């Protein structure tokens, strides 16, 4: 991770931008850490004071890469369906009903 290219917003700024309380932001970050999607990297100033944490998102990126093919398939299906709707005489495919015998 190249720390010179990162953005390190504090919990207060994240809360404001997300419309949440700071405590909610803390809870969500903790949940993401427990799930292995983010890893907290503590930062300290030269005088030893604590700075805002930064977060390694490589776990989240890896998870999203695994899911990407599934999302790509859904996107292609939607495009195909939209093209079909645009044609004259379109009749949607009927899904079998749960009450069918």
N, C-alpha and C. Protein backbone atom coordinates (compact mmCIF):
# COMPACT_ATOMS: atom_id res chain seq x y z
N UNK A 1 0.85 -1.17 0.00
CA UNK A 1 0.00 0.00 0.00
C UNK A 1 0.90 1.23 0.00
N UNK A 2 0.61 2.17 -0.88
CA UNK A 2 1.37 3.40 -0.98
C UNK A 2 0.63 4.49 -0.19
N UNK A 3 1.10 4.77 1.02
CA UNK A 3 0.40 5.71 1.90
C UNK A 3 0.38 7.13 1.35
N UNK A 4 1.29 7.46 0.45
CA UNK A 4 1.29 8.82 -0.10
C UNK A 4 0.13 9.05 -1.05
N UNK A 5 -0.54 8.00 -1.48
CA UNK A 5 -1.65 8.12 -2.41
C UNK A 5 -2.99 7.79 -1.76
N UNK A 6 -3.03 7.81 -0.43
CA UNK A 6 -4.27 7.46 0.25
C UNK A 6 -4.96 8.69 0.80
N UNK A 7 -6.23 8.53 1.07
CA UNK A 7 -7.04 9.55 1.71
C UNK A 7 -7.39 9.00 3.09
N UNK A 8 -7.25 9.80 4.12
CA UNK A 8 -7.46 9.31 5.48
C UNK A 8 -8.50 10.13 6.22
N UNK A 9 -9.76 10.05 5.79
CA UNK A 9 -10.79 10.83 6.49
C UNK A 9 -11.02 10.27 7.89
N UNK A 10 -11.33 11.16 8.82
CA UNK A 10 -11.65 10.73 10.17
C UNK A 10 -13.08 10.20 10.23
N UNK A 11 -13.41 9.60 11.36
CA UNK A 11 -14.76 9.06 11.53
C UNK A 11 -15.82 10.16 11.49
N UNK A 12 -15.46 11.34 11.98
CA UNK A 12 -16.41 12.46 11.95
C UNK A 12 -16.77 12.82 10.51
N UNK A 13 -15.78 12.95 9.64
CA UNK A 13 -16.04 13.27 8.24
C UNK A 13 -16.83 12.15 7.55
N UNK A 14 -16.44 10.91 7.82
CA UNK A 14 -17.18 9.77 7.23
C UNK A 14 -18.64 9.81 7.68
N UNK A 15 -18.87 10.08 8.95
CA UNK A 15 -20.23 10.12 9.49
C UNK A 15 -21.03 11.22 8.79
N UNK A 16 -20.43 12.39 8.64
CA UNK A 16 -21.13 13.50 7.97
C UNK A 16 -21.49 13.15 6.53
N UNK A 17 -20.54 12.58 5.81
CA UNK A 17 -20.77 12.27 4.40
C UNK A 17 -21.76 11.13 4.20
N UNK A 18 -21.80 10.20 5.15
CA UNK A 18 -22.70 9.05 5.03
C UNK A 18 -24.05 9.28 5.71
N UNK A 19 -24.17 10.38 6.44
CA UNK A 19 -25.42 10.64 7.17
C UNK A 19 -25.61 9.69 8.34
N UNK A 20 -24.51 9.32 8.99
CA UNK A 20 -24.55 8.41 10.13
C UNK A 20 -23.94 9.10 11.34
N UNK A 21 -24.08 8.46 12.49
CA UNK A 21 -23.38 8.97 13.68
C UNK A 21 -21.96 8.41 13.66
N UNK A 22 -21.06 9.06 14.41
CA UNK A 22 -19.69 8.56 14.49
C UNK A 22 -19.67 7.15 15.07
N UNK A 23 -20.54 6.89 16.03
CA UNK A 23 -20.60 5.55 16.64
C UNK A 23 -21.03 4.49 15.62
N UNK A 24 -21.98 4.84 14.75
CA UNK A 24 -22.39 3.90 13.69
C UNK A 24 -21.22 3.59 12.76
N UNK A 25 -20.46 4.62 12.42
CA UNK A 25 -19.29 4.43 11.55
C UNK A 25 -18.31 3.48 12.24
N UNK A 26 -18.08 3.67 13.54
CA UNK A 26 -17.18 2.78 14.28
C UNK A 26 -17.68 1.33 14.23
N UNK A 27 -18.98 1.15 14.41
CA UNK A 27 -19.55 -0.21 14.38
C UNK A 27 -19.38 -0.85 13.01
N UNK A 28 -19.67 -0.09 11.95
CA UNK A 28 -19.54 -0.64 10.60
C UNK A 28 -18.09 -1.00 10.28
N UNK A 29 -17.16 -0.15 10.69
CA UNK A 29 -15.75 -0.46 10.46
C UNK A 29 -15.37 -1.73 11.21
N UNK A 30 -15.83 -1.86 12.45
CA UNK A 30 -15.54 -3.07 13.24
C UNK A 30 -16.10 -4.32 12.56
N UNK A 31 -17.31 -4.22 12.01
CA UNK A 31 -17.91 -5.36 11.30
C UNK A 31 -17.09 -5.73 10.07
N UNK A 32 -16.64 -4.74 9.33
CA UNK A 32 -15.82 -4.99 8.14
C UNK A 32 -14.48 -5.63 8.52
N UNK A 33 -13.93 -5.19 9.65
CA UNK A 33 -12.68 -5.79 10.12
C UNK A 33 -12.90 -7.25 10.52
N UNK A 34 -13.99 -7.53 11.24
CA UNK A 34 -14.28 -8.90 11.66
C UNK A 34 -14.50 -9.82 10.47
N UNK A 35 -15.07 -9.27 9.40
CA UNK A 35 -15.32 -10.06 8.20
C UNK A 35 -14.06 -10.24 7.35
N UNK A 36 -12.98 -9.59 7.75
CA UNK A 36 -11.72 -9.70 7.01
C UNK A 36 -11.69 -8.88 5.74
N UNK A 37 -12.60 -7.91 5.63
CA UNK A 37 -12.66 -7.10 4.41
C UNK A 37 -11.77 -5.86 4.50
N UNK A 38 -11.52 -5.37 5.69
CA UNK A 38 -10.61 -4.24 5.88
C UNK A 38 -9.68 -4.54 7.05
N UNK A 39 -8.51 -3.91 7.00
CA UNK A 39 -7.54 -4.05 8.09
C UNK A 39 -7.10 -2.65 8.52
N UNK A 40 -7.20 -2.37 9.80
CA UNK A 40 -6.84 -1.06 10.35
C UNK A 40 -5.32 -0.91 10.39
N UNK A 41 -4.84 0.23 9.94
CA UNK A 41 -3.42 0.56 10.01
C UNK A 41 -3.33 1.86 10.81
N UNK A 42 -2.82 1.75 12.04
CA UNK A 42 -2.72 2.94 12.89
C UNK A 42 -1.56 3.81 12.43
N UNK A 43 -1.75 5.13 12.55
CA UNK A 43 -0.71 6.07 12.14
C UNK A 43 -0.36 6.98 13.30
N UNK A 44 0.94 7.32 13.40
CA UNK A 44 1.41 8.19 14.46
C UNK A 44 2.24 9.32 13.86
N UNK A 45 2.11 10.50 14.43
CA UNK A 45 2.89 11.67 14.00
C UNK A 45 4.32 11.54 14.52
N UNK A 46 5.21 12.37 13.99
CA UNK A 46 6.61 12.34 14.39
C UNK A 46 6.78 12.56 15.90
N UNK A 47 5.90 13.37 16.51
CA UNK A 47 6.00 13.64 17.95
C UNK A 47 5.33 12.54 18.78
N UNK A 48 4.84 11.49 18.13
CA UNK A 48 4.25 10.36 18.84
C UNK A 48 2.75 10.42 19.01
N UNK A 49 2.14 11.54 18.60
CA UNK A 49 0.69 11.66 18.71
C UNK A 49 -0.02 10.79 17.69
N UNK A 50 -1.22 10.42 18.02
CA UNK A 50 -2.00 9.55 17.14
C UNK A 50 -2.67 10.36 16.03
N UNK A 51 -2.67 9.82 14.83
CA UNK A 51 -3.33 10.42 13.68
C UNK A 51 -4.51 9.53 13.29
N UNK A 52 -5.29 9.96 12.29
CA UNK A 52 -6.39 9.11 11.84
C UNK A 52 -5.83 7.80 11.31
N UNK A 53 -6.59 6.74 11.50
CA UNK A 53 -6.18 5.44 10.97
C UNK A 53 -6.36 5.44 9.46
N UNK A 54 -5.65 4.55 8.82
CA UNK A 54 -5.91 4.28 7.42
C UNK A 54 -6.35 2.82 7.37
N UNK A 55 -6.99 2.42 6.30
CA UNK A 55 -7.53 1.07 6.22
C UNK A 55 -7.07 0.41 4.94
N UNK A 56 -6.59 -0.81 5.08
CA UNK A 56 -6.18 -1.62 3.93
C UNK A 56 -7.43 -2.33 3.43
N UNK A 57 -7.82 -2.05 2.21
CA UNK A 57 -9.05 -2.61 1.64
C UNK A 57 -8.79 -3.81 0.74
N UNK A 58 -7.61 -4.40 0.82
CA UNK A 58 -7.29 -5.51 -0.09
C UNK A 58 -8.24 -6.70 0.08
N UNK A 59 -8.73 -6.94 1.30
CA UNK A 59 -9.69 -8.03 1.50
C UNK A 59 -11.00 -7.76 0.78
N UNK A 60 -11.45 -6.52 0.81
CA UNK A 60 -12.67 -6.13 0.11
C UNK A 60 -12.48 -6.24 -1.40
N UNK A 61 -11.34 -5.77 -1.88
CA UNK A 61 -11.05 -5.84 -3.32
C UNK A 61 -11.03 -7.29 -3.79
N UNK A 62 -10.41 -8.17 -3.02
CA UNK A 62 -10.36 -9.58 -3.39
C UNK A 62 -11.76 -10.19 -3.45
N UNK A 63 -12.61 -9.84 -2.49
CA UNK A 63 -13.99 -10.36 -2.47
C UNK A 63 -14.77 -9.87 -3.68
N UNK A 64 -14.60 -8.58 -4.01
CA UNK A 64 -15.31 -8.01 -5.15
C UNK A 64 -14.85 -8.63 -6.47
N UNK A 65 -13.56 -8.94 -6.56
CA UNK A 65 -13.05 -9.59 -7.78
C UNK A 65 -13.69 -10.96 -7.97
N UNK A 66 -13.94 -11.67 -6.87
CA UNK A 66 -14.59 -12.98 -6.96
C UNK A 66 -16.04 -12.84 -7.42
N UNK A 67 -16.70 -11.76 -6.99
CA UNK A 67 -18.11 -11.55 -7.33
C UNK A 67 -18.31 -10.93 -8.71
N UNK A 68 -17.28 -10.32 -9.26
CA UNK A 68 -17.39 -9.57 -10.51
C UNK A 68 -18.01 -10.38 -11.66
N UNK A 69 -17.62 -11.63 -11.90
CA UNK A 69 -18.24 -12.37 -13.00
C UNK A 69 -19.76 -12.52 -12.85
N UNK A 70 -20.22 -12.68 -11.63
CA UNK A 70 -21.66 -12.80 -11.38
C UNK A 70 -22.37 -11.49 -11.73
N UNK A 71 -21.78 -10.36 -11.33
CA UNK A 71 -22.36 -9.07 -11.65
C UNK A 71 -22.33 -8.81 -13.15
N UNK A 72 -21.27 -9.21 -13.81
CA UNK A 72 -21.14 -9.04 -15.25
C UNK A 72 -22.25 -9.82 -15.97
N UNK A 73 -22.54 -11.04 -15.50
CA UNK A 73 -23.59 -11.87 -16.10
C UNK A 73 -24.95 -11.20 -15.95
N UNK A 74 -25.25 -10.68 -14.78
CA UNK A 74 -26.52 -9.99 -14.54
C UNK A 74 -26.63 -8.78 -15.45
N UNK A 75 -25.55 -8.04 -15.59
CA UNK A 75 -25.54 -6.86 -16.45
C UNK A 75 -25.83 -7.23 -17.90
N UNK A 76 -25.23 -8.30 -18.38
CA UNK A 76 -25.48 -8.76 -19.75
C UNK A 76 -26.92 -9.22 -19.93
N UNK A 77 -27.47 -9.92 -18.94
CA UNK A 77 -28.87 -10.36 -19.01
C UNK A 77 -29.82 -9.17 -19.08
N UNK A 78 -29.53 -8.13 -18.31
CA UNK A 78 -30.37 -6.93 -18.32
C UNK A 78 -30.31 -6.26 -19.69
N UNK A 79 -29.12 -6.16 -20.27
CA UNK A 79 -28.98 -5.55 -21.60
C UNK A 79 -29.78 -6.34 -22.64
N UNK A 80 -29.70 -7.66 -22.59
CA UNK A 80 -30.42 -8.51 -23.52
C UNK A 80 -31.92 -8.31 -23.37
N UNK A 81 -32.39 -8.25 -22.13
CA UNK A 81 -33.82 -8.06 -21.86
C UNK A 81 -34.29 -6.68 -22.35
N UNK A 82 -33.48 -5.66 -22.17
CA UNK A 82 -33.84 -4.32 -22.64
C UNK A 82 -33.96 -4.27 -24.15
N UNK A 83 -33.05 -4.95 -24.83
CA UNK A 83 -33.12 -5.00 -26.30
C UNK A 83 -34.40 -5.71 -26.74
N UNK A 84 -34.75 -6.76 -26.05
CA UNK A 84 -35.96 -7.51 -26.40
C UNK A 84 -37.20 -6.65 -26.18
N UNK A 85 -37.23 -5.87 -25.12
CA UNK A 85 -38.38 -5.02 -24.81
C UNK A 85 -38.56 -3.96 -25.90
N UNK A 86 -37.46 -3.50 -26.46
CA UNK A 86 -37.52 -2.45 -27.47
C UNK A 86 -38.09 -2.95 -28.80
N UNK A 87 -38.12 -4.25 -29.01
CA UNK A 87 -38.63 -4.81 -30.26
C UNK A 87 -40.16 -4.88 -30.24
N UNK A 88 -40.75 -4.76 -31.43
CA UNK A 88 -42.20 -4.89 -31.55
C UNK A 88 -42.64 -6.31 -31.22
N UNK A 89 -43.81 -6.39 -30.66
CA UNK A 89 -44.38 -7.71 -30.37
C UNK A 89 -43.72 -8.40 -29.19
N UNK A 90 -43.04 -7.67 -28.37
CA UNK A 90 -42.36 -8.27 -27.22
C UNK A 90 -43.36 -8.85 -26.24
N UNK A 91 -43.10 -10.07 -25.82
CA UNK A 91 -43.89 -10.72 -24.78
C UNK A 91 -42.89 -11.22 -23.74
N UNK A 92 -43.02 -10.74 -22.52
CA UNK A 92 -42.06 -11.16 -21.48
C UNK A 92 -42.16 -12.65 -21.21
N UNK A 93 -41.02 -13.22 -20.85
CA UNK A 93 -41.00 -14.63 -20.48
C UNK A 93 -41.78 -14.78 -19.19
N UNK A 94 -42.61 -15.79 -19.16
CA UNK A 94 -43.38 -16.04 -17.93
C UNK A 94 -42.61 -16.98 -17.03
N UNK A 95 -42.54 -16.58 -15.78
CA UNK A 95 -41.89 -17.43 -14.80
C UNK A 95 -42.94 -18.36 -14.23
N UNK A 96 -42.57 -19.60 -13.98
CA UNK A 96 -43.56 -20.54 -13.40
C UNK A 96 -44.02 -20.03 -12.05
N UNK A 97 -45.33 -20.09 -11.84
CA UNK A 97 -45.87 -19.60 -10.57
C UNK A 97 -45.69 -20.65 -9.49
N UNK A 98 -45.64 -20.19 -8.26
CA UNK A 98 -45.43 -21.08 -7.12
C UNK A 98 -46.70 -21.92 -6.85
N UNK A 99 -47.84 -21.47 -7.36
CA UNK A 99 -49.09 -22.19 -7.08
C UNK A 99 -49.43 -23.20 -8.17
N UNK A 100 -48.58 -23.29 -9.21
CA UNK A 100 -48.84 -24.25 -10.30
C UNK A 100 -48.75 -25.67 -9.77
N UNK A 101 -49.66 -26.57 -10.24
CA UNK A 101 -49.64 -27.94 -9.74
C UNK A 101 -48.83 -28.83 -10.62
